[in-house]
């Protein structure tokens, strides 16, 4: 569990520019969606 929290903290991005924060969150969202899709295809 500690490793998951550490990974979440490292992925966190709080830049002053809202556009950069949005693009970062969008990228992370696509990565998570791709992982879910890949895992669901293997089941």
Protein backbone atom coordinates (compact mmCIF):
# COMPACT_ATOMS: atom_id res chain seq x y z
CA UNK A 1 0.00 0.00 0.00
CA UNK A 2 2.86 2.38 0.76
CA UNK A 3 4.29 1.80 -2.71
CA UNK A 4 0.95 2.73 -4.30
CA UNK A 5 0.78 5.95 -2.28
CA UNK A 6 4.36 6.81 -3.19
CA UNK A 7 3.59 6.22 -6.86
CA UNK A 8 0.50 8.42 -6.63
CA UNK A 9 2.54 11.21 -5.04
CA UNK A 10 5.19 10.98 -7.76
CA UNK A 11 2.52 11.18 -10.47
CA UNK A 12 0.96 14.22 -8.85
CA UNK A 13 1.60 17.44 -10.72
CA UNK A 14 0.64 20.88 -9.38
CA UNK A 15 2.05 23.44 -11.79
CA UNK A 16 0.92 27.05 -11.66
CA UNK A 17 -0.28 26.79 -15.28
CA UNK A 18 -3.79 25.25 -15.37
CA UNK A 19 -3.26 24.09 -18.96
CA UNK A 20 -0.18 22.08 -17.99
CA UNK A 21 -2.06 20.53 -15.06
CA UNK A 22 -4.94 19.56 -17.36
CA UNK A 23 -2.68 17.95 -19.96
CA UNK A 24 -0.84 16.05 -17.24
CA UNK A 25 -4.10 14.71 -15.79
CA UNK A 26 -5.33 13.83 -19.27
CA UNK A 27 -2.13 11.84 -19.95
CA UNK A 28 -2.41 9.99 -16.65
CA UNK A 29 -6.07 9.25 -17.39
CA UNK A 30 -5.22 7.75 -20.76
CA UNK A 31 -2.51 5.59 -19.21
CA UNK A 32 -4.90 4.30 -16.54
CA UNK A 33 -7.61 3.64 -19.13
CA UNK A 34 -5.13 1.75 -21.32
CA UNK A 35 -4.03 -0.39 -18.37
CA UNK A 36 -7.63 -1.22 -17.50
CA UNK A 37 -8.34 -2.14 -21.13
CA UNK A 38 -5.26 -4.36 -21.38
CA UNK A 39 -6.05 -6.10 -18.09
CA UNK A 40 -9.67 -6.67 -19.11
CA UNK A 41 -8.60 -8.19 -22.44
CA UNK A 42 -6.35 -10.71 -20.69
CA UNK A 43 -9.13 -11.94 -18.38
